[in-house]
Protein backbone atom coordinates (compact mmCIF):
# COMPACT_ATOMS: atom_id res chain seq x y z
CA MET A 1 -34.90 -31.02 48.04
CA GLY A 2 -36.20 -29.69 44.81
CA ARG A 3 -34.90 -28.19 41.64
CA SER A 4 -34.07 -24.82 43.21
CA ASP A 5 -31.92 -26.46 45.90
CA SER A 6 -29.84 -28.34 43.37
CA ASN A 7 -29.61 -25.21 41.21
CA GLY A 8 -28.17 -23.35 44.20
CA LEU A 9 -25.68 -26.15 44.79
CA ALA A 10 -24.71 -26.05 41.11
CA ILE A 11 -24.15 -22.29 41.23
CA ALA A 12 -22.10 -22.65 44.42
CA SER A 13 -20.04 -25.41 42.80
CA LEU A 14 -19.40 -23.29 39.72
CA VAL A 15 -18.39 -20.25 41.78
CA LEU A 16 -16.10 -22.33 44.00
CA GLY A 17 -14.54 -23.93 40.92
CA ILE A 18 -13.69 -20.50 39.53
CA VAL A 19 -12.44 -19.29 42.92
CA SER A 20 -10.30 -22.41 43.34
CA ILE A 21 -8.56 -21.96 39.98
CA LEU A 22 -7.83 -18.32 40.77
CA GLY A 23 -7.01 -19.12 44.39
CA ILE A 24 -4.33 -21.67 43.56
CA TRP A 25 -2.12 -18.95 42.15
CA ALA A 26 -2.67 -16.79 45.24
CA SER A 27 -2.40 -19.44 47.94
CA TRP A 28 -2.84 -23.18 48.27
CA ALA A 29 -4.79 -22.52 51.48
CA ILE A 30 -7.53 -20.90 49.37
CA GLY A 31 -7.48 -22.99 46.21
CA ILE A 32 -7.42 -26.55 47.48
CA PRO A 33 -10.26 -26.30 50.05
CA ALA A 34 -12.40 -24.36 47.58
CA ALA A 35 -11.82 -27.05 44.95
CA VAL A 36 -12.72 -29.87 47.33
CA VAL A 37 -15.91 -28.15 48.52
CA GLY A 38 -16.80 -27.22 44.92
CA LEU A 39 -16.34 -30.82 43.84
CA ILE A 40 -18.55 -32.12 46.66
CA LEU A 41 -21.29 -29.56 45.96
CA GLY A 42 -21.13 -30.28 42.23
CA ILE A 43 -21.55 -34.01 42.79
CA MET A 44 -24.46 -33.41 45.15
CA ALA A 45 -26.14 -31.05 42.66
CA ARG A 46 -25.59 -33.46 39.80
CA LYS A 47 -27.19 -36.33 41.72
CA GLN A 48 -30.31 -34.25 42.45
CA ASN A 49 -30.71 -32.60 39.07
CA PRO A 50 -28.10 -33.02 36.31
CA SER A 51 -27.25 -29.63 34.84
CA SER A 52 -24.45 -28.05 32.87
CA MET A 53 -23.60 -25.71 35.76
CA ALA A 54 -23.01 -28.66 38.09
CA THR A 55 -20.87 -30.35 35.45
CA ALA A 56 -18.87 -27.15 34.90
CA GLY A 57 -18.31 -26.81 38.65
CA ILE A 58 -17.09 -30.41 38.86
CA VAL A 59 -14.76 -29.96 35.88
CA LEU A 60 -13.32 -26.68 37.19
CA SER A 61 -12.76 -28.19 40.62
CA ILE A 62 -10.97 -31.22 39.15
CA ILE A 63 -8.81 -28.95 36.98
CA ALA A 64 -7.94 -26.88 40.04
CA LEU A 65 -6.94 -30.00 42.01
CA ILE A 66 -4.77 -31.22 39.14
CA LEU A 67 -3.13 -27.80 38.76
CA SER A 68 -2.48 -27.63 42.48
CA ALA A 69 -0.78 -31.04 42.37
CA VAL A 70 1.39 -29.94 39.42
CA VAL A 71 2.33 -26.67 41.11
CA MET A 72 3.09 -28.47 44.37
CA VAL A 73 5.35 -31.02 42.65
CA ALA A 74 7.12 -28.24 40.71
CA CYS A 75 7.71 -26.20 43.86
CA VAL A 76 8.99 -29.18 45.83
CA SER A 77 11.35 -30.21 43.02
CA CYS A 78 12.67 -26.65 42.60
CA PHE A 79 13.19 -26.35 46.34
CA GLY A 80 14.95 -29.70 46.37
CA CYS A 81 17.32 -28.66 43.58
CA PHE A 82 18.02 -25.36 45.29
CA SER A 83 18.71 -27.07 48.63
CA PHE A 84 21.00 -29.59 46.94
CA LYS A 85 23.03 -26.79 45.32
CA ILE A 86 23.42 -25.04 48.67
CA LEU A 87 24.60 -28.27 50.31
CA MET A 88 27.13 -28.93 47.56
CA THR A 89 28.80 -25.52 47.86
């Protein structure tokens, strides 16, 4: 694998990082898998040929995973509070 292969992986990682951040707000089924694949591709690209695109893809994917965890915890806690209020009435 040469420079062009790792450049393609870096571009794919960057695109998936962007898609994952946007996809989290649409659906977790889009955002989380895109973030995981983007993170894997970014790490592979960075091992072959360190570049700023690979780093950006890794960072965006990590941010997307953190945001998805925050959104998931917020949704579960809101649902829990709502369910508790219904049970108490």
